[in-house]
Amino acid sequence: MIEVGKTITLNVKRMTPQGAYLSDGESDVLLPLKQVPEDTEVGDALEVFIYRDSKDRIISTVRTPLIRLHEVARLEVKEMTKIGAFLDMGLERDLLLPFHEMTKEPSVGDKVLAAMYLDKSGRLCATEKIYKYLENEAPYKKDDEVSGVLYEISRNFGAFVAVDDRYSALIPAREFGGEAKEGDQVTCRVTGVREDGRLNLSLRKKAYLQMNDDAEKILNMIRVENGLSFTDKAEPDLIKEKTGMSKAAFKRAVGHLLKEKLITIEEDGIYERDKH
């Protein structure tokens, strides 16, 4: 079956001045003359990608597209128009990203992570709403470090990440303090693999590794602000707002700084030792 958006192998049925007509035994599709490889003969098998030309006719090409139906890829914005953005998919015709399929409006030259789908008219389009197009069963396990793009933030669920631009992952709300925003490239630790194969992530390292990073962050804040106006006894929400850390992580880091004799804790706040 000849399906738009897919790469298939077809046989040359006949040659014409317009090009080669290829067939799967039931339907025919034109491979334009400039696309026909030299010495092609009737009966030859050719691997082609099926799409629609500028006149909305189904056509084939021997060129390899940058994306196929239901795949996810990072594509460059070539043009912004009244109906959306046109993305370079590696062919003579560009791929439309309609405004209603955007998560945020891009600019020409930006590279957006998008999936290819068929709209109600059977035309190939792109969407930045990629959750259902990402793969499960990533080749990672608990405590592995992974990289990906944060493509959506949900107040209820957390931050959705496309690991390697390919695999589905989530930073749960309890692990996400708003340190990153949509479109950011993030490095995370795998905290678990769900039954459906999707990954759970954390932006934080394991506690004993994260402690030094947190301690350094707090010490820098103390130096910049000439002390913190709160201590580790403050409410968790205040600590999260000021530092982006949970109260437990903040207490661990403050304890580390105390042990190293770098800070003092007083009733009105935390100060660098010998600086107050």
Protein backbone atom coordinates (compact mmCIF):
# COMPACT_ATOMS: atom_id res chain seq x y z
CA MET A 1 0.00 0.00 0.00
CA ILE A 2 1.34 3.40 -1.00
CA GLU A 3 1.09 5.61 2.12
CA VAL A 4 2.04 9.27 2.37
CA GLY A 5 4.85 9.97 4.83
CA LYS A 6 6.52 6.57 4.55
CA THR A 7 9.54 5.13 2.78
CA ILE A 8 8.70 2.02 0.74
CA THR A 9 10.16 -0.11 -2.03
CA LEU A 10 8.28 -0.06 -5.35
CA ASN A 11 8.89 -1.52 -8.79
CA VAL A 12 9.25 0.54 -11.97
CA LYS A 13 6.10 -0.16 -14.00
CA ARG A 14 6.70 2.11 -16.99
CA MET A 15 8.94 4.96 -18.15
CA THR A 16 7.45 8.22 -19.52
CA PRO A 17 8.76 11.68 -20.47
CA GLN A 18 7.55 12.86 -17.03
CA GLY A 19 9.47 10.20 -15.17
CA ALA A 20 9.03 6.65 -13.92
CA TYR A 21 5.73 5.30 -12.69
CA LEU A 22 6.26 3.03 -9.73
CA SER A 23 3.81 0.40 -8.51
CA ASP A 24 3.10 -1.79 -5.50
CA GLY A 25 0.89 -4.01 -7.65
CA GLU A 26 -2.26 -2.07 -6.81
CA SER A 27 -1.45 1.63 -7.12
CA ASP A 28 0.98 3.73 -9.16
CA VAL A 29 2.93 6.85 -8.21
CA LEU A 30 5.17 9.14 -10.26
CA LEU A 31 8.89 9.48 -9.61
CA PRO A 32 9.74 12.74 -11.46
CA LEU A 33 12.30 12.43 -14.24
CA LYS A 34 15.01 14.41 -12.41
CA GLN A 35 14.69 11.93 -9.52
CA VAL A 36 15.05 8.79 -11.63
CA PRO A 37 18.51 7.20 -11.18
CA GLU A 38 20.57 6.66 -14.33
CA ASP A 39 20.16 3.30 -16.11
CA THR A 40 16.82 2.65 -14.37
CA GLU A 41 14.76 0.07 -16.28
CA VAL A 42 11.23 -1.29 -16.09
CA GLY A 43 11.07 -3.91 -13.34
CA ASP A 44 13.76 -2.32 -11.16
CA ALA A 45 13.03 -1.94 -7.46
CA LEU A 46 13.50 1.54 -5.99
CA GLU A 47 13.25 2.74 -2.40
CA VAL A 48 11.30 6.01 -2.31
CA PHE A 49 9.60 8.38 0.13
CA ILE A 50 5.95 9.24 -0.54
CA TYR A 51 4.63 12.77 -0.04
CA ARG A 52 2.49 15.43 -1.76
CA ASP A 53 3.86 18.03 -4.17
CA SER A 54 2.95 21.73 -4.28
CA LYS A 55 -0.21 20.86 -6.23
CA ASP A 56 -1.23 18.36 -3.54
CA ARG A 57 -0.58 15.36 -5.79
CA ILE A 58 0.90 12.19 -4.29
CA ILE A 59 4.45 11.86 -5.57
CA SER A 60 7.67 9.99 -4.73
CA THR A 61 11.32 10.90 -4.27
CA VAL A 62 14.55 8.95 -3.90
CA ARG A 63 15.85 11.61 -1.52
CA THR A 64 15.98 10.71 2.17
CA PRO A 65 13.73 12.94 4.30
CA LEU A 66 14.82 14.24 7.71
CA ILE A 67 11.58 12.94 9.23
CA ARG A 68 8.89 10.37 8.44
CA LEU A 69 5.29 9.82 9.52
CA HIS A 70 4.96 9.53 13.33
CA GLU A 71 8.69 10.13 13.83
CA VAL A 72 10.23 12.91 15.93
CA ALA A 73 13.11 15.03 14.65
CA ARG A 74 14.73 18.42 15.14
CA LEU A 75 13.93 20.55 12.07
CA GLU A 76 14.96 24.08 11.09
CA VAL A 77 12.38 26.83 10.61
CA LYS A 78 12.76 28.18 7.07
CA GLU A 79 9.82 30.59 6.93
CA MET A 80 7.09 32.07 9.15
CA THR A 81 3.73 32.70 7.48
CA LYS A 82 0.14 33.55 8.40
CA ILE A 83 -0.72 29.87 8.77
CA GLY A 84 2.36 28.74 10.68
CA ALA A 85 6.02 27.86 10.28
CA PHE A 86 7.51 25.94 7.39
CA LEU A 87 10.20 23.46 8.42
CA ASP A 88 13.02 22.02 6.34
CA MET A 89 12.42 18.27 6.05
CA GLY A 90 15.19 17.68 3.53
CA LEU A 91 12.96 17.66 0.43
CA GLU A 92 11.92 20.16 -2.22
CA ARG A 93 8.74 20.86 -0.28
CA ASP A 94 8.81 22.07 3.32
CA LEU A 95 6.69 20.78 6.20
CA LEU A 96 4.00 22.99 7.75
CA LEU A 97 3.92 23.46 11.52
CA PRO A 98 0.49 25.08 12.10
CA PHE A 99 0.14 27.66 14.85
CA HIS A 100 -2.27 25.43 16.78
CA GLU A 101 0.38 22.67 16.89
CA MET A 102 3.06 24.95 18.39
CA THR A 103 4.00 25.05 22.06
CA LYS A 104 5.62 28.43 21.51
CA GLU A 105 6.14 30.51 18.39
CA PRO A 106 9.60 30.01 16.84
CA SER A 107 11.70 32.30 14.68
CA VAL A 108 13.34 31.67 11.31
CA GLY A 109 16.54 29.70 11.86
CA ASP A 110 15.35 28.05 15.07
CA LYS A 111 15.43 24.27 15.29
CA VAL A 112 12.28 22.81 16.76
CA LEU A 113 11.61 19.30 18.00
CA ALA A 114 8.53 18.12 16.13
CA ALA A 115 6.66 15.01 15.04
CA MET A 116 5.12 14.38 11.62
CA TYR A 117 1.42 13.54 11.38
CA LEU A 118 -1.39 13.46 8.79
CA ASP A 119 -4.04 16.16 9.13
CA LYS A 120 -7.74 15.60 8.40
CA SER A 121 -7.12 16.32 4.70
CA GLY A 122 -4.39 13.71 4.43
CA ARG A 123 -1.59 16.30 4.27
CA LEU A 124 1.69 15.90 6.10
CA CYS A 125 2.10 18.39 8.94
CA ALA A 126 4.30 18.87 12.00
CA THR A 127 3.42 19.22 15.68
CA GLU A 128 5.43 20.22 18.72
CA LYS A 129 2.98 18.25 20.90
CA ILE A 130 5.18 15.20 20.71
CA TYR A 131 4.26 13.18 23.83
CA LYS A 132 2.41 10.38 22.00
CA TYR A 133 5.08 10.11 19.31
CA LEU A 134 8.05 9.51 21.62
CA GLU A 135 9.33 5.98 22.11
CA ASN A 136 9.20 3.95 25.30
CA GLU A 137 11.75 1.33 26.29
CA ALA A 138 14.79 3.59 26.33
CA PRO A 139 18.14 1.78 26.75
CA TYR A 140 18.74 3.33 30.17
CA LYS A 141 18.48 2.14 33.76
CA LYS A 142 18.24 3.67 37.23
CA ASP A 143 21.04 6.17 38.06
CA ASP A 144 22.15 6.56 34.41
CA GLU A 145 22.81 10.14 33.31
CA VAL A 146 20.81 11.23 30.25
CA SER A 147 20.30 14.37 28.18
CA GLY A 148 17.24 15.69 26.44
CA VAL A 149 15.04 18.67 25.70
CA LEU A 150 12.37 19.85 28.14
CA TYR A 151 9.37 20.25 25.84
CA GLU A 152 6.41 20.77 28.19
CA ILE A 153 5.80 21.79 31.81
CA SER A 154 2.69 20.69 33.69
CA ARG A 155 1.78 22.09 37.10
CA ASN A 156 0.24 18.73 38.04
CA PHE A 157 2.66 16.23 36.53
CA GLY A 158 6.02 18.01 36.27
CA ALA A 159 8.32 18.52 33.29
CA PHE A 160 8.21 16.33 30.19
CA VAL A 161 11.56 15.56 28.56
CA ALA A 162 12.45 14.01 25.21
CA VAL A 163 15.62 12.07 26.02
CA ASP A 164 17.98 11.92 23.04
CA ASP A 165 15.14 13.68 21.11
CA ARG A 166 13.54 10.23 21.04
CA TYR A 167 12.49 8.67 24.34
CA SER A 168 9.65 9.66 26.65
CA ALA A 169 10.58 10.83 30.15
CA LEU A 170 9.17 12.86 33.04
CA ILE A 171 10.67 14.93 35.83
CA PRO A 172 7.90 14.55 38.46
CA ALA A 173 6.55 17.76 39.97
CA ARG A 174 8.17 16.93 43.34
CA GLU A 175 11.58 16.81 41.61
CA PHE A 176 11.10 19.90 39.48
CA GLY A 177 11.63 23.29 41.07
CA GLY A 178 11.32 25.41 37.96
CA GLU A 179 15.09 25.44 37.36
CA ALA A 180 14.57 24.96 33.61
CA LYS A 181 12.06 26.16 31.03
CA GLU A 182 10.49 24.76 27.89
CA GLY A 183 13.04 24.33 25.11
CA ASP A 184 16.01 23.96 27.48
CA GLN A 185 18.49 21.14 27.03
CA VAL A 186 18.80 19.36 30.38
CA THR A 187 21.03 16.70 31.89
CA CYS A 188 19.23 14.42 34.32
CA ARG A 189 19.59 11.30 36.41
CA VAL A 190 17.26 8.36 35.81
CA THR A 191 15.42 7.70 39.07
CA GLY A 192 13.31 4.85 37.74
CA VAL A 193 11.86 3.06 34.73
CA ARG A 194 8.07 2.71 34.73
CA GLU A 195 6.21 -0.44 33.70
CA ASP A 196 5.34 1.12 30.34
CA GLY A 197 9.05 1.80 29.70
CA ARG A 198 8.93 5.56 30.19
CA LEU A 199 11.67 7.13 32.30
CA ASN A 200 11.35 9.07 35.52
CA LEU A 201 14.10 11.66 35.90
CA SER A 202 15.60 14.08 38.37
CA LEU A 203 17.64 17.18 37.64
CA ARG A 204 19.51 16.42 40.83
CA LYS A 205 22.36 13.98 41.37
CA LYS A 206 22.30 11.37 44.12
CA ALA A 207 22.28 13.05 47.54
CA TYR A 208 25.95 12.51 48.38
CA LEU A 209 27.03 13.84 44.97
CA GLN A 210 24.55 16.73 44.92
CA MET A 211 25.61 17.99 48.33
CA ASN A 212 28.83 19.62 47.16
CA ASP A 213 27.02 21.34 44.26
CA ASP A 214 24.30 22.63 46.59
CA ALA A 215 26.83 23.77 49.17
CA GLU A 216 28.75 25.70 46.53
CA LYS A 217 25.50 27.31 45.32
CA ILE A 218 24.54 28.38 48.85
CA LEU A 219 28.02 29.73 49.61
CA ASN A 220 27.91 31.81 46.42
CA MET A 221 24.48 33.17 47.40
CA ILE A 222 25.81 34.10 50.84
CA ARG A 223 28.75 35.95 49.29
CA VAL A 224 26.66 37.80 46.73
CA GLU A 225 23.95 38.79 49.21
CA ASN A 226 26.27 39.26 52.19
CA GLY A 227 24.40 36.51 54.00
CA LEU A 228 21.04 34.76 53.84
CA SER A 229 18.11 36.27 55.70
CA PHE A 230 16.79 32.83 56.70
CA THR A 231 18.16 29.60 58.16
CA ASP A 232 17.55 25.89 57.74
CA LYS A 233 14.62 26.26 60.14
CA ALA A 234 12.68 28.32 57.58
CA GLU A 235 9.51 27.00 55.95
CA PRO A 236 10.09 24.59 53.01
CA ASP A 237 8.26 26.90 50.56
CA LEU A 238 10.55 29.82 51.41
CA ILE A 239 13.66 27.69 51.01
CA LYS A 240 12.40 26.36 47.66
CA GLU A 241 11.58 29.90 46.47
CA LYS A 242 14.96 31.34 47.47
CA THR A 243 17.28 28.45 46.55
CA GLY A 244 15.35 26.04 44.31
CA MET A 245 16.16 23.25 46.79
CA SER A 246 14.03 21.11 49.03
CA LYS A 247 14.38 21.75 52.76
CA ALA A 248 16.17 18.40 53.19
CA ALA A 249 18.71 19.23 50.46
CA PHE A 250 19.22 22.72 51.92
CA LYS A 251 19.85 21.31 55.41
CA ARG A 252 22.36 18.78 54.03
CA ALA A 253 24.26 21.50 52.18
CA VAL A 254 24.25 23.90 55.16
CA GLY A 255 25.48 21.06 57.35
CA HIS A 256 28.33 20.45 54.90
CA LEU A 257 29.33 24.14 55.00
CA LEU A 258 29.22 24.13 58.79
CA LYS A 259 31.41 21.03 58.91
CA GLU A 260 33.91 22.78 56.63
CA LYS A 261 33.74 25.84 58.94
CA LEU A 262 32.81 28.11 56.05
CA ILE A 263 29.63 29.58 57.53
CA THR A 264 27.97 30.51 60.82
CA ILE A 265 24.27 30.31 61.62
CA GLU A 266 22.80 33.13 63.67
CA GLU A 267 19.26 33.98 64.71
CA ASP A 268 18.75 36.36 61.80
CA GLY A 269 20.38 34.28 59.07
CA ILE A 270 23.39 32.45 57.68
CA TYR A 271 26.74 34.22 57.11
CA GLU A 272 30.15 33.42 55.76
CA ARG A 273 32.60 32.84 58.62
CA ASP A 274 34.77 35.85 59.40
CA LYS A 275 32.75 37.95 56.95
CA HIS A 276 29.95 39.02 59.29
